[in-house]
N, C-alpha and C. Protein backbone atom coordinates (compact mmCIF):
# COMPACT_ATOMS: atom_id res chain seq x y z
N MET A 1 45.35 6.96 -28.59
CA MET A 1 44.22 6.98 -27.71
C MET A 1 44.72 7.25 -26.30
N ARG A 2 43.90 7.93 -25.52
CA ARG A 2 44.26 8.23 -24.14
C ARG A 2 43.52 7.31 -23.17
N GLN A 3 44.19 6.99 -22.08
CA GLN A 3 43.59 6.25 -20.99
C GLN A 3 43.83 6.99 -19.70
N ILE A 4 42.87 6.94 -18.81
CA ILE A 4 43.07 7.47 -17.46
C ILE A 4 43.45 6.27 -16.60
N VAL A 5 44.68 6.26 -16.14
CA VAL A 5 45.24 5.11 -15.42
C VAL A 5 45.35 5.44 -13.94
N THR A 6 44.90 4.51 -13.11
CA THR A 6 45.14 4.59 -11.68
C THR A 6 46.46 3.90 -11.42
N THR A 7 47.46 4.66 -11.02
CA THR A 7 48.82 4.13 -10.91
C THR A 7 49.06 3.33 -9.63
N LYS A 8 48.32 3.66 -8.58
CA LYS A 8 48.42 2.95 -7.30
C LYS A 8 47.21 3.33 -6.47
N ASN A 9 47.05 2.72 -5.31
CA ASN A 9 45.95 3.07 -4.42
C ASN A 9 46.16 4.48 -3.88
N GLY A 10 45.05 5.23 -3.76
CA GLY A 10 45.17 6.55 -3.20
C GLY A 10 44.08 7.49 -3.65
N GLY A 11 44.36 8.79 -3.49
CA GLY A 11 43.44 9.85 -3.87
C GLY A 11 43.52 10.14 -5.36
N ILE A 12 42.90 11.24 -5.78
CA ILE A 12 42.85 11.54 -7.21
C ILE A 12 44.22 11.85 -7.79
N ASP A 13 45.20 12.13 -6.95
CA ASP A 13 46.54 12.41 -7.45
C ASP A 13 47.23 11.18 -8.05
N VAL A 14 46.67 9.97 -7.85
CA VAL A 14 47.26 8.76 -8.43
C VAL A 14 46.77 8.52 -9.86
N LEU A 15 45.84 9.36 -10.35
CA LEU A 15 45.32 9.23 -11.71
C LEU A 15 46.27 9.92 -12.70
N LYS A 16 46.60 9.24 -13.77
CA LYS A 16 47.48 9.79 -14.80
C LYS A 16 46.87 9.51 -16.17
N VAL A 17 47.01 10.46 -17.08
CA VAL A 17 46.58 10.26 -18.46
C VAL A 17 47.76 9.72 -19.24
N GLN A 18 47.55 8.61 -19.93
CA GLN A 18 48.62 7.98 -20.71
C GLN A 18 48.16 7.74 -22.14
N GLN A 19 49.08 7.82 -23.08
CA GLN A 19 48.80 7.50 -24.48
C GLN A 19 49.03 6.00 -24.68
N LYS A 20 48.11 5.36 -25.36
CA LYS A 20 48.22 3.94 -25.68
C LYS A 20 47.81 3.72 -27.13
N PRO A 21 48.25 2.64 -27.75
CA PRO A 21 47.78 2.34 -29.10
C PRO A 21 46.27 2.07 -29.10
N ASP A 22 45.61 2.33 -30.22
CA ASP A 22 44.19 2.02 -30.32
C ASP A 22 43.96 0.54 -30.06
N PRO A 23 42.88 0.19 -29.36
CA PRO A 23 42.61 -1.23 -29.09
C PRO A 23 42.17 -1.95 -30.36
N GLN A 24 42.46 -3.24 -30.42
CA GLN A 24 42.05 -4.10 -31.53
C GLN A 24 41.15 -5.19 -30.97
N ALA A 25 40.03 -5.42 -31.64
CA ALA A 25 39.10 -6.46 -31.20
C ALA A 25 39.69 -7.84 -31.47
N GLN A 26 39.66 -8.68 -30.48
CA GLN A 26 40.04 -10.08 -30.61
C GLN A 26 38.75 -10.90 -30.79
N ALA A 27 38.87 -12.20 -30.87
CA ALA A 27 37.69 -13.06 -31.03
C ALA A 27 36.68 -12.78 -29.92
N GLY A 28 35.43 -12.57 -30.32
CA GLY A 28 34.35 -12.35 -29.36
C GLY A 28 34.25 -10.94 -28.82
N GLU A 29 35.08 -10.02 -29.32
CA GLU A 29 35.11 -8.65 -28.80
C GLU A 29 34.64 -7.64 -29.83
N ILE A 30 34.30 -6.46 -29.32
CA ILE A 30 33.98 -5.31 -30.17
C ILE A 30 34.80 -4.12 -29.69
N VAL A 31 35.07 -3.19 -30.60
CA VAL A 31 35.68 -1.92 -30.23
C VAL A 31 34.58 -0.87 -30.32
N VAL A 32 34.38 -0.15 -29.22
CA VAL A 32 33.36 0.88 -29.14
C VAL A 32 34.03 2.25 -29.16
N LYS A 33 33.60 3.11 -30.07
CA LYS A 33 34.03 4.51 -30.05
C LYS A 33 33.18 5.17 -28.98
N VAL A 34 33.80 5.53 -27.88
CA VAL A 34 33.09 5.99 -26.68
C VAL A 34 32.53 7.39 -26.88
N ARG A 35 31.24 7.54 -26.60
CA ARG A 35 30.58 8.84 -26.63
C ARG A 35 30.30 9.34 -25.21
N ALA A 36 30.14 8.41 -24.26
CA ALA A 36 29.92 8.76 -22.85
C ALA A 36 30.36 7.58 -22.00
N ALA A 37 30.83 7.87 -20.79
CA ALA A 37 31.28 6.82 -19.89
C ALA A 37 30.84 7.14 -18.48
N GLY A 38 30.71 6.10 -17.68
CA GLY A 38 30.32 6.30 -16.30
C GLY A 38 31.45 5.93 -15.36
N LEU A 39 31.53 6.64 -14.28
CA LEU A 39 32.37 6.28 -13.15
C LEU A 39 31.44 6.17 -11.96
N ASN A 40 31.57 5.10 -11.21
CA ASN A 40 30.65 4.91 -10.10
C ASN A 40 31.40 4.63 -8.81
N PHE A 41 30.65 4.30 -7.78
CA PHE A 41 31.24 4.11 -6.47
C PHE A 41 32.28 3.00 -6.46
N ALA A 42 32.07 1.93 -7.26
CA ALA A 42 33.05 0.85 -7.34
C ALA A 42 34.40 1.38 -7.84
N ASP A 43 34.35 2.32 -8.78
CA ASP A 43 35.60 2.90 -9.31
C ASP A 43 36.34 3.68 -8.22
N ILE A 44 35.60 4.44 -7.44
CA ILE A 44 36.22 5.22 -6.36
C ILE A 44 36.84 4.28 -5.33
N LEU A 45 36.09 3.26 -4.94
CA LEU A 45 36.62 2.30 -3.97
C LEU A 45 37.83 1.55 -4.53
N ALA A 46 37.78 1.18 -5.81
CA ALA A 46 38.91 0.49 -6.43
C ALA A 46 40.15 1.37 -6.44
N ARG A 47 39.97 2.67 -6.76
CA ARG A 47 41.11 3.59 -6.75
C ARG A 47 41.74 3.65 -5.36
N GLN A 48 40.91 3.57 -4.33
CA GLN A 48 41.40 3.65 -2.96
C GLN A 48 41.93 2.31 -2.45
N GLY A 49 41.74 1.24 -3.24
CA GLY A 49 42.19 -0.08 -2.82
C GLY A 49 41.20 -0.78 -1.91
N LEU A 50 39.93 -0.34 -1.92
CA LEU A 50 38.93 -0.88 -1.00
C LEU A 50 37.86 -1.73 -1.68
N TYR A 51 37.95 -1.91 -3.00
CA TYR A 51 36.94 -2.68 -3.73
C TYR A 51 37.45 -4.11 -3.88
N PRO A 52 36.71 -5.12 -3.36
CA PRO A 52 37.21 -6.49 -3.37
C PRO A 52 37.55 -7.02 -4.76
N ASP A 53 36.80 -6.64 -5.78
CA ASP A 53 37.05 -7.14 -7.14
C ASP A 53 37.86 -6.16 -7.98
N GLY A 54 38.43 -5.15 -7.35
CA GLY A 54 39.21 -4.16 -8.08
C GLY A 54 40.45 -4.79 -8.70
N PRO A 55 40.84 -4.31 -9.87
CA PRO A 55 42.01 -4.87 -10.54
C PRO A 55 43.31 -4.41 -9.88
N PRO A 56 44.40 -5.15 -10.09
CA PRO A 56 45.69 -4.69 -9.57
C PRO A 56 46.13 -3.42 -10.30
N LYS A 57 46.88 -2.59 -9.61
CA LYS A 57 47.36 -1.33 -10.19
C LYS A 57 48.69 -1.56 -10.90
N PRO A 58 49.00 -0.84 -11.93
CA PRO A 58 48.19 0.19 -12.57
C PRO A 58 47.04 -0.44 -13.36
N CYS A 59 45.95 0.32 -13.47
CA CYS A 59 44.77 -0.18 -14.18
C CYS A 59 43.96 1.01 -14.70
N VAL A 60 43.04 0.69 -15.58
CA VAL A 60 42.11 1.69 -16.11
C VAL A 60 40.79 1.53 -15.37
N MET A 61 40.28 2.62 -14.84
CA MET A 61 39.01 2.60 -14.15
C MET A 61 37.86 2.72 -15.15
N GLY A 62 36.67 2.49 -14.69
CA GLY A 62 35.49 2.64 -15.52
C GLY A 62 34.84 1.30 -15.77
N TYR A 63 33.55 1.26 -15.58
CA TYR A 63 32.81 0.01 -15.69
C TYR A 63 31.79 0.02 -16.82
N GLU A 64 31.45 1.21 -17.34
CA GLU A 64 30.39 1.27 -18.35
C GLU A 64 30.62 2.40 -19.34
N VAL A 65 30.25 2.13 -20.60
CA VAL A 65 30.36 3.13 -21.66
C VAL A 65 29.15 3.04 -22.56
N ALA A 66 28.92 4.12 -23.31
CA ALA A 66 27.95 4.12 -24.40
C ALA A 66 28.66 4.73 -25.60
N GLY A 67 28.43 4.15 -26.76
CA GLY A 67 29.08 4.65 -27.96
C GLY A 67 28.63 3.87 -29.18
N VAL A 68 29.46 3.90 -30.20
CA VAL A 68 29.14 3.28 -31.48
C VAL A 68 30.18 2.20 -31.77
N VAL A 69 29.72 1.03 -32.21
CA VAL A 69 30.63 -0.06 -32.54
C VAL A 69 31.46 0.33 -33.75
N GLU A 70 32.77 0.33 -33.58
CA GLU A 70 33.69 0.71 -34.65
C GLU A 70 34.23 -0.49 -35.41
N SER A 71 34.48 -1.58 -34.70
CA SER A 71 34.97 -2.80 -35.35
C SER A 71 34.62 -3.99 -34.48
N VAL A 72 34.71 -5.18 -35.08
CA VAL A 72 34.39 -6.41 -34.36
C VAL A 72 35.48 -7.44 -34.61
N GLY A 73 35.62 -8.33 -33.66
CA GLY A 73 36.58 -9.41 -33.79
C GLY A 73 35.94 -10.64 -34.41
N GLU A 74 36.73 -11.69 -34.50
CA GLU A 74 36.26 -12.96 -35.03
C GLU A 74 35.05 -13.45 -34.24
N ASN A 75 34.13 -14.11 -34.92
CA ASN A 75 32.94 -14.70 -34.30
C ASN A 75 31.97 -13.67 -33.75
N VAL A 76 32.01 -12.44 -34.26
CA VAL A 76 31.05 -11.40 -33.85
C VAL A 76 30.35 -10.91 -35.11
N ASP A 77 29.05 -10.73 -35.01
CA ASP A 77 28.22 -10.29 -36.13
C ASP A 77 28.69 -8.93 -36.64
N ARG A 78 29.13 -8.87 -37.90
CA ARG A 78 29.63 -7.63 -38.50
C ARG A 78 28.55 -6.57 -38.65
N SER A 79 27.28 -6.96 -38.58
CA SER A 79 26.21 -5.96 -38.71
C SER A 79 26.17 -5.03 -37.49
N LEU A 80 26.91 -5.36 -36.43
CA LEU A 80 26.98 -4.47 -35.26
C LEU A 80 27.77 -3.20 -35.56
N ILE A 81 28.65 -3.23 -36.56
CA ILE A 81 29.47 -2.06 -36.87
C ILE A 81 28.55 -0.88 -37.22
N GLY A 82 28.80 0.24 -36.55
CA GLY A 82 28.01 1.44 -36.75
C GLY A 82 26.79 1.55 -35.84
N LYS A 83 26.51 0.53 -35.05
CA LYS A 83 25.33 0.53 -34.17
C LYS A 83 25.69 1.14 -32.81
N PRO A 84 24.76 1.93 -32.25
CA PRO A 84 24.98 2.47 -30.90
C PRO A 84 24.73 1.38 -29.85
N VAL A 85 25.63 1.31 -28.88
CA VAL A 85 25.55 0.28 -27.84
C VAL A 85 25.87 0.86 -26.47
N VAL A 86 25.49 0.11 -25.46
CA VAL A 86 25.92 0.31 -24.08
C VAL A 86 26.73 -0.93 -23.74
N ALA A 87 27.86 -0.76 -23.05
CA ALA A 87 28.71 -1.90 -22.76
C ALA A 87 29.28 -1.84 -21.35
N MET A 88 29.45 -3.02 -20.79
CA MET A 88 30.11 -3.17 -19.50
C MET A 88 31.58 -3.46 -19.77
N THR A 89 32.45 -2.58 -19.30
CA THR A 89 33.86 -2.67 -19.64
C THR A 89 34.73 -3.33 -18.58
N ALA A 90 34.25 -3.39 -17.36
CA ALA A 90 35.01 -4.00 -16.26
C ALA A 90 36.43 -3.46 -16.18
N PHE A 91 36.55 -2.17 -15.96
CA PHE A 91 37.84 -1.49 -15.77
C PHE A 91 38.68 -1.47 -17.04
N ARG A 92 38.06 -1.38 -18.23
CA ARG A 92 38.84 -1.36 -19.46
C ARG A 92 38.44 -0.20 -20.38
N TRP A 93 37.73 0.80 -19.91
CA TRP A 93 37.34 1.86 -20.84
C TRP A 93 38.45 2.88 -20.96
N THR A 94 38.35 3.64 -22.02
CA THR A 94 39.34 4.67 -22.30
C THR A 94 38.61 5.93 -22.73
N VAL A 95 39.35 7.00 -22.92
CA VAL A 95 38.73 8.25 -23.31
C VAL A 95 38.10 8.16 -24.69
N GLY A 96 38.76 7.50 -25.63
CA GLY A 96 38.26 7.49 -27.00
C GLY A 96 37.63 6.20 -27.46
N LYS A 97 38.24 5.07 -27.09
CA LYS A 97 37.76 3.77 -27.56
C LYS A 97 37.89 2.75 -26.44
N SER A 98 37.03 1.75 -26.51
CA SER A 98 37.08 0.69 -25.51
C SER A 98 36.85 -0.64 -26.20
N VAL A 99 37.59 -1.65 -25.80
CA VAL A 99 37.38 -2.99 -26.32
C VAL A 99 36.68 -3.80 -25.23
N VAL A 100 35.58 -4.44 -25.62
CA VAL A 100 34.77 -5.20 -24.65
C VAL A 100 34.31 -6.51 -25.28
N GLN A 101 33.95 -7.44 -24.44
CA GLN A 101 33.32 -8.67 -24.92
C GLN A 101 31.98 -8.31 -25.55
N ALA A 102 31.72 -8.80 -26.73
CA ALA A 102 30.46 -8.49 -27.42
C ALA A 102 29.26 -8.88 -26.56
N ARG A 103 29.38 -9.97 -25.83
CA ARG A 103 28.26 -10.44 -25.00
C ARG A 103 27.98 -9.50 -23.82
N GLN A 104 28.89 -8.56 -23.55
CA GLN A 104 28.68 -7.61 -22.47
C GLN A 104 28.24 -6.25 -23.00
N SER A 105 27.60 -6.27 -24.17
CA SER A 105 27.06 -5.05 -24.75
C SER A 105 25.61 -5.30 -25.14
N PHE A 106 24.86 -4.21 -25.25
CA PHE A 106 23.48 -4.32 -25.71
C PHE A 106 23.13 -3.05 -26.46
N PRO A 107 22.11 -3.11 -27.32
CA PRO A 107 21.75 -1.93 -28.11
C PRO A 107 21.35 -0.76 -27.20
N LYS A 108 21.81 0.43 -27.56
CA LYS A 108 21.42 1.63 -26.82
C LYS A 108 19.97 1.95 -27.17
N PRO A 109 19.12 2.10 -26.18
CA PRO A 109 17.74 2.49 -26.48
C PRO A 109 17.70 3.84 -27.20
N GLU A 110 16.93 3.92 -28.25
CA GLU A 110 16.83 5.16 -29.03
C GLU A 110 16.35 6.33 -28.19
N SER A 111 15.56 6.05 -27.17
CA SER A 111 14.98 7.12 -26.35
C SER A 111 15.98 7.76 -25.39
N LEU A 112 17.18 7.17 -25.27
CA LEU A 112 18.19 7.68 -24.34
C LEU A 112 19.34 8.34 -25.08
N THR A 113 19.87 9.40 -24.51
CA THR A 113 21.11 9.99 -25.03
C THR A 113 22.26 9.05 -24.66
N PHE A 114 23.43 9.27 -25.25
CA PHE A 114 24.58 8.45 -24.88
C PHE A 114 24.91 8.62 -23.41
N GLU A 115 24.80 9.84 -22.90
CA GLU A 115 25.09 10.10 -21.48
C GLU A 115 24.12 9.35 -20.58
N GLN A 116 22.85 9.38 -20.91
CA GLN A 116 21.85 8.66 -20.11
C GLN A 116 22.10 7.15 -20.19
N ALA A 117 22.40 6.66 -21.38
CA ALA A 117 22.61 5.24 -21.57
C ALA A 117 23.83 4.74 -20.79
N ALA A 118 24.90 5.54 -20.73
CA ALA A 118 26.10 5.14 -19.99
C ALA A 118 25.82 5.03 -18.50
N ALA A 119 24.80 5.72 -18.02
CA ALA A 119 24.47 5.68 -16.59
C ALA A 119 23.61 4.46 -16.22
N VAL A 120 23.03 3.80 -17.21
CA VAL A 120 22.13 2.68 -16.93
C VAL A 120 22.82 1.50 -16.25
N PRO A 121 23.95 1.00 -16.75
CA PRO A 121 24.54 -0.18 -16.10
C PRO A 121 24.93 0.07 -14.65
């Protein structure tokens, strides 16, 4: 799986694509096969080192994704597998898959495309 990593504070030249192992859901988490993701102003500020809650570098940017639940961890309803969701990733999304707290996801409205749904949060 690929991740877009912000290696340090700065302009877009600090972004690097890195290969990482596929994420595994731990207790209370889900793995989402990402169909669309959002980058917002908080991500830009965090990359520049100006966002108060930005993670330390290196880090993965991105706060929201829409996709399909691929797997679930302990204490998560297995019926979520295969369901389309929108999730808040808090700087943990990746190009292909993202692991998030199940409580930070909600069903994707049928009336929205994955791209539209990723823009909602």
